[in-house]
C-alpha atoms as a PDB file:
ATOM      1  CA  UNK A   1     103.067  81.956  70.772  1.00  0.00           C
ATOM      2  CA  UNK A   2     103.301  79.655  73.997  1.00  0.00           C
ATOM      3  CA  UNK A   3     106.201  77.209  73.817  1.00  0.00           C
ATOM      4  CA  UNK A   4     107.471  74.244  75.328  1.00  0.00           C
ATOM      5  CA  UNK A   5     110.557  74.495  77.485  1.00  0.00           C
ATOM      6  CA  UNK A   6     112.460  72.886  74.651  1.00  0.00           C
ATOM      7  CA  UNK A   7     110.912  75.220  71.838  1.00  0.00           C
ATOM      8  CA  UNK A   8     111.619  78.492  74.054  1.00  0.00           C
ATOM      9  CA  UNK A   9     115.210  77.776  75.278  1.00  0.00           C
ATOM     10  CA  UNK A  10     116.164  76.554  71.457  1.00  0.00           C
ATOM     11  CA  UNK A  11     117.083  80.533  70.547  1.00  0.00           C
ATOM     12  CA  UNK A  12     119.904  79.953  73.175  1.00  0.00           C
ATOM     13  CA  UNK A  13     121.460  77.171  71.443  1.00  0.00           C
ATOM     14  CA  UNK A  14     120.550  77.540  67.891  1.00  0.00           C
ATOM     15  CA  UNK A  15     121.632  81.062  67.227  1.00  0.00           C
ATOM     16  CA  UNK A  16     125.084  80.949  68.698  1.00  0.00           C
ATOM     17  CA  UNK A  17     125.728  77.817  66.642  1.00  0.00           C
ATOM     18  CA  UNK A  18     124.391  79.727  63.571  1.00  0.00           C
ATOM     19  CA  UNK A  19     126.540  82.643  64.233  1.00  0.00           C
ATOM     20  CA  UNK A  20     129.750  80.774  64.444  1.00  0.00           C
ATOM     21  CA  UNK A  21     129.024  78.810  61.348  1.00  0.00           C
ATOM     22  CA  UNK A  22     128.202  82.153  59.626  1.00  0.00           C
ATOM     23  CA  UNK A  23     131.397  84.117  61.313  1.00  0.00           C
ATOM     24  CA  UNK A  24     133.653  80.893  59.823  1.00  0.00           C
ATOM     25  CA  UNK A  25     131.851  81.020  56.392  1.00  0.00           C
ATOM     26  CA  UNK A  26     132.152  85.005  56.000  1.00  0.00           C
ATOM     27  CA  UNK A  27     135.842  84.553  57.014  1.00  0.00           C
ATOM     28  CA  UNK A  28     136.999  81.872  54.952  1.00  0.00           C
ATOM     29  CA  UNK A  29     134.906  83.221  51.723  1.00  0.00           C
ATOM     30  CA  UNK A  30     135.678  87.329  52.334  1.00  0.00           C
ATOM     31  CA  UNK A  31     138.380  88.317  50.265  1.00  0.00           C
ATOM     32  CA  UNK A  32     141.140  89.519  53.119  1.00  0.00           C
ATOM     33  CA  UNK A  33     140.844  93.285  52.110  1.00  0.00           C
ATOM     34  CA  UNK A  34     137.082  93.333  52.041  1.00  0.00           C
ATOM     35  CA  UNK A  35     136.609  91.860  55.880  1.00  0.00           C
ATOM     36  CA  UNK A  36     136.298  95.463  57.310  1.00  0.00           C
ATOM     37  CA  UNK A  37     133.731  95.917  55.083  1.00  0.00           C
ATOM     38  CA  UNK A  38     131.982  92.756  56.086  1.00  0.00           C
ATOM     39  CA  UNK A  39     132.865  93.429  59.767  1.00  0.00           C
ATOM     40  CA  UNK A  40     131.030  97.238  59.312  1.00  0.00           C
ATOM     41  CA  UNK A  41     128.170  95.256  57.566  1.00  0.00           C
ATOM     42  CA  UNK A  42     127.563  92.972  60.526  1.00  0.00           C
ATOM     43  CA  UNK A  43     128.106  95.821  62.797  1.00  0.00           C
ATOM     44  CA  UNK A  44     125.260  97.829  61.197  1.00  0.00           C
ATOM     45  CA  UNK A  45     123.135  94.962  61.267  1.00  0.00           C
ATOM     46  CA  UNK A  46     122.943  94.889  64.779  1.00  0.00           C
ATOM     47  CA  UNK A  47     122.321  98.440  65.137  1.00  0.00           C
ATOM     48  CA  UNK A  48     119.776  97.874  62.377  1.00  0.00           C
ATOM     49  CA  UNK A  49     118.085  95.330  64.599  1.00  0.00           C
ATOM     50  CA  UNK A  50     117.612  97.816  67.541  1.00  0.00           C
ATOM     51  CA  UNK A  51     115.243  99.712  65.186  1.00  0.00           C
ATOM     52  CA  UNK A  52     113.514  96.669  63.748  1.00  0.00           C
ATOM     53  CA  UNK A  53     113.008  95.615  67.707  1.00  0.00           C
ATOM     54  CA  UNK A  54     111.386  98.602  68.426  1.00  0.00           C
ATOM     55  CA  UNK A  55     109.154  99.161  65.065  1.00  0.00           C
ATOM     56  CA  UNK A  56     108.041  95.373  65.584  1.00  0.00           C
ATOM     57  CA  UNK A  57     107.266  95.936  69.082  1.00  0.00           C
ATOM     58  CA  UNK A  58     105.174  98.809  68.882  1.00  0.00           C
ATOM     59  CA  UNK A  59     103.760  98.561  65.825  1.00  0.00           C
ATOM     60  CA  UNK A  60     103.239  94.916  65.072  1.00  0.00           C
ATOM     61  CA  UNK A  61     102.941  93.126  68.426  1.00  0.00           C
ATOM     62  CA  UNK A  62     100.817  96.243  70.161  1.00  0.00           C
ATOM     63  CA  UNK A  63      98.446  96.773  66.887  1.00  0.00           C
ATOM     64  CA  UNK A  64      97.914  93.792  64.210  1.00  0.00           C
ATOM     65  CA  UNK A  65      96.216  90.869  64.996  1.00  0.00           C
ATOM     66  CA  UNK A  66      96.597  88.201  65.479  1.00  0.00           C
ATOM     67  CA  UNK A  67     100.275  89.226  66.760  1.00  0.00           C
ATOM     68  CA  UNK A  68      98.553  91.507  69.276  1.00  0.00           C
ATOM     69  CA  UNK A  69      96.469  88.679  70.894  1.00  0.00           C
ATOM     70  CA  UNK A  70      99.566  86.640  71.323  1.00  0.00           C
ATOM     71  CA  UNK A  71     101.436  89.262  72.870  1.00  0.00           C
ATOM     72  CA  UNK A  72      98.602  90.575  74.985  1.00  0.00           C
ATOM     73  CA  UNK A  73      99.194  86.954  76.887  1.00  0.00           C
ATOM     74  CA  UNK A  74     102.667  87.544  77.246  1.00  0.00           C
ATOM     75  CA  UNK A  75     101.883  90.827  79.004  1.00  0.00           C
ATOM     76  CA  UNK A  76      99.172  88.686  81.135  1.00  0.00           C
ATOM     77  CA  UNK A  77     101.764  86.548  82.237  1.00  0.00           C
ATOM     78  CA  UNK A  78     105.327  87.818  81.746  1.00  0.00           C
ATOM     79  CA  UNK A  79     106.792  84.490  82.831  1.00  0.00           C
ATOM     80  CA  UNK A  80     105.537  82.216  80.801  1.00  0.00           C
ATOM     81  CA  UNK A  81     107.295  80.671  77.961  1.00  0.00           C
ATOM     82  CA  UNK A  82     105.879  82.512  75.357  1.00  0.00           C
ATOM     83  CA  UNK A  83     107.489  83.709  71.911  1.00  0.00           C
ATOM     84  CA  UNK A  84     108.403  83.102  68.273  1.00  0.00           C
ATOM     85  CA  UNK A  85     109.002  79.028  67.423  1.00  0.00           C
ATOM     86  CA  UNK A  86     112.879  79.164  66.312  1.00  0.00           C
ATOM     87  CA  UNK A  87     112.282  77.427  63.322  1.00  0.00           C
ATOM     88  CA  UNK A  88     110.243  80.766  61.992  1.00  0.00           C
ATOM     89  CA  UNK A  89     112.334  83.201  63.282  1.00  0.00           C
ATOM     90  CA  UNK A  90     115.720  81.508  61.563  1.00  0.00           C
ATOM     91  CA  UNK A  91     113.339  80.772  58.322  1.00  0.00           C
ATOM     92  CA  UNK A  92     112.759  84.277  58.244  1.00  0.00           C
ATOM     93  CA  UNK A  93     116.356  85.583  58.405  1.00  0.00           C
ATOM     94  CA  UNK A  94     117.150  82.930  55.944  1.00  0.00           C
ATOM     95  CA  UNK A  95     114.512  84.467  53.568  1.00  0.00           C
ATOM     96  CA  UNK A  96     115.884  88.107  54.442  1.00  0.00           C
ATOM     97  CA  UNK A  97     119.567  86.561  53.768  1.00  0.00           C
ATOM     98  CA  UNK A  98     118.171  85.304  50.328  1.00  0.00           C
ATOM     99  CA  UNK A  99     116.603  88.320  49.134  1.00  0.00           C
ATOM    100  CA  UNK A 100     119.732  90.543  50.192  1.00  0.00           C
ATOM    101  CA  UNK A 101     121.935  87.945  48.547  1.00  0.00           C
ATOM    102  CA  UNK A 102     119.715  88.875  45.232  1.00  0.00           C
ATOM    103  CA  UNK A 103     120.515  92.555  45.275  1.00  0.00           C
ATOM    104  CA  UNK A 104     124.568  92.269  46.441  1.00  0.00           C
ATOM    105  CA  UNK A 105     127.299  90.186  47.301  1.00  0.00           C
ATOM    106  CA  UNK A 106     126.921  86.726  49.445  1.00  0.00           C
ATOM    107  CA  UNK A 107     129.651  88.609  52.210  1.00  0.00           C
ATOM    108  CA  UNK A 108     127.725  91.307  52.707  1.00  0.00           C
ATOM    109  CA  UNK A 109     124.095  89.867  52.580  1.00  0.00           C
ATOM    110  CA  UNK A 110     125.520  87.257  55.154  1.00  0.00           C
ATOM    111  CA  UNK A 111     127.292  89.551  57.373  1.00  0.00           C
ATOM    112  CA  UNK A 112     124.279  92.060  57.758  1.00  0.00           C
ATOM    113  CA  UNK A 113     121.836  88.728  58.359  1.00  0.00           C
ATOM    114  CA  UNK A 114     124.929  87.573  60.954  1.00  0.00           C
ATOM    115  CA  UNK A 115     124.177  91.010  62.530  1.00  0.00           C
ATOM    116  CA  UNK A 116     120.648  91.033  62.473  1.00  0.00           C
ATOM    117  CA  UNK A 117     120.444  87.691  64.268  1.00  0.00           C
ATOM    118  CA  UNK A 118     123.180  88.541  67.084  1.00  0.00           C
ATOM    119  CA  UNK A 119     120.802  91.463  67.507  1.00  0.00           C
ATOM    120  CA  UNK A 120     117.590  89.404  67.858  1.00  0.00           C
ATOM    121  CA  UNK A 121     119.868  86.821  70.002  1.00  0.00           C
ATOM    122  CA  UNK A 122     120.681  89.695  72.116  1.00  0.00           C
ATOM    123  CA  UNK A 123     117.065  90.742  72.076  1.00  0.00           C
ATOM    124  CA  UNK A 124     115.968  87.392  73.332  1.00  0.00           C
ATOM    125  CA  UNK A 125     118.386  87.160  76.439  1.00  0.00           C
ATOM    126  CA  UNK A 126     118.065  90.490  77.536  1.00  0.00           C
ATOM    127  CA  UNK A 127     114.145  89.695  77.234  1.00  0.00           C
ATOM    128  CA  UNK A 128     114.528  86.853  79.066  1.00  0.00           C
ATOM    129  CA  UNK A 129     116.587  88.128  81.695  1.00  0.00           C
ATOM    130  CA  UNK A 130     114.138  90.892  82.559  1.00  0.00           C
ATOM    131  CA  UNK A 131     111.362  88.484  83.166  1.00  0.00           C
ATOM    132  CA  UNK A 132     113.586  85.718  84.852  1.00  0.00           C
ATOM    133  CA  UNK A 133     116.677  86.792  86.514  1.00  0.00           C
ATOM    134  CA  UNK A 134     117.250  88.546  89.725  1.00  0.00           C
ATOM    135  CA  UNK A 135     119.093  91.771  89.054  1.00  0.00           C
ATOM    136  CA  UNK A 136     121.966  93.443  91.338  1.00  0.00           C
ATOM    137  CA  UNK A 137     120.096  97.241  92.198  1.00  0.00           C
ATOM    138  CA  UNK A 138     121.881  99.856  89.748  1.00  0.00           C
ATOM    139  CA  UNK A 139     122.946  97.458  87.532  1.00  0.00           C
ATOM    140  CA  UNK A 140     122.132  97.788  83.677  1.00  0.00           C
ATOM    141  CA  UNK A 141     120.280  94.506  83.567  1.00  0.00           C
ATOM    142  CA  UNK A 142     118.036  96.404  87.031  1.00  0.00           C
ATOM    143  CA  UNK A 143     117.419  99.361  85.020  1.00  0.00           C
ATOM    144  CA  UNK A 144     116.295  97.403  82.057  1.00  0.00           C
ATOM    145  CA  UNK A 145     113.734  95.626  84.214  1.00  0.00           C
ATOM    146  CA  UNK A 146     112.221  98.863  85.367  1.00  0.00           C
ATOM    147  CA  UNK A 147     112.487  99.954  82.281  1.00  0.00           C
ATOM    148  CA  UNK A 148     110.552  96.760  80.681  1.00  0.00           C
ATOM    149  CA  UNK A 149     108.158  96.427  83.769  1.00  0.00           C
ATOM    150  CA  UNK A 150     106.613 100.264  82.964  1.00  0.00           C
ATOM    151  CA  UNK A 151     106.451  98.606  79.297  1.00  0.00           C
ATOM    152  CA  UNK A 152     103.602  96.348  81.003  1.00  0.00           C
ATOM    153  CA  UNK A 153     101.947  98.402  83.316  1.00  0.00           C
ATOM    154  CA  UNK A 154      98.206  99.602  81.848  1.00  0.00           C
ATOM    155  CA  UNK A 155      97.510 103.123  80.311  1.00  0.00           C
ATOM    156  CA  UNK A 156     100.196 105.076  78.290  1.00  0.00           C
ATOM    157  CA  UNK A 157     101.971 102.337  75.744  1.00  0.00           C
ATOM    158  CA  UNK A 158     105.509 103.248  76.255  1.00  0.00           C
ATOM    159  CA  UNK A 159     109.462 101.873  76.679  1.00  0.00           C
ATOM    160  CA  UNK A 160     108.839  99.606  73.569  1.00  0.00           C
ATOM    161  CA  UNK A 161     112.850  99.005  73.298  1.00  0.00           C
ATOM    162  CA  UNK A 162     114.081  95.739  74.831  1.00  0.00           C
ATOM    163  CA  UNK A 163     117.650  95.768  74.628  1.00  0.00           C
ATOM    164  CA  UNK A 164     118.140  99.764  74.409  1.00  0.00           C
ATOM    165  CA  UNK A 165     115.582 102.752  74.977  1.00  0.00           C
ATOM    166  CA  UNK A 166     117.322 104.958  72.030  1.00  0.00           C
ATOM    167  CA  UNK A 167     114.608 104.593  69.913  1.00  0.00           C
ATOM    168  CA  UNK A 168     111.882 105.037  72.842  1.00  0.00           C
ATOM    169  CA  UNK A 169     113.710 108.804  73.109  1.00  0.00           C
ATOM    170  CA  UNK A 170     113.917 109.093  69.523  1.00  0.00           C
ATOM    171  CA  UNK A 171     110.494 108.577  68.863  1.00  0.00           C
ATOM    172  CA  UNK A 172     109.374 110.066  72.193  1.00  0.00           C
ATOM    173  CA  UNK A 173     107.091 106.772  73.441  1.00  0.00           C
ATOM    174  CA  UNK A 174     110.035 106.998  76.835  1.00  0.00           C
ATOM    175  CA  UNK A 175     108.368 106.924  80.005  1.00  0.00           C
ATOM    176  CA  UNK A 176     111.132 107.961  82.564  1.00  0.00           C
ATOM    177  CA  UNK A 177     111.975 105.067  85.711  1.00  0.00           C
ATOM    178  CA  UNK A 178     110.840 106.843  89.044  1.00  0.00           C
END
């Protein structure tokens, strides 16, 4: 969806603030003998995000209407301010947290959700960088830009992962950078 400048950049303000608040709440409400568990679940959430990012990008944004049409707009105009409105993504994460909370305790639900949210923030940051920031040749960002640029090329769909190419390798959807 095309966003205003404020709408586009809101993720870069809202998510860090939410993560600080969630981290503080988790630390204050989790028993000291369970903090390692919470940290482990948080890290698992970040890792799980990379898989969700891949699956959403490959199977929702490239196949399912109306998301495909909106994503095609991004492919046609990659530097336009196109993305998910912050209110929508935060609402989805809140809904997920509530569902998890119903099946586990608040600390674990919050830890997993916070990990997913940090993964999402990393995704929007990397995606913004590959389209808007110059990168030094040979750097990680330079390679990410090349990998993502191949994703934007017509032909065989490939390189759906933005933050990592791990799942493209695992699911054989990678195309090597030449």
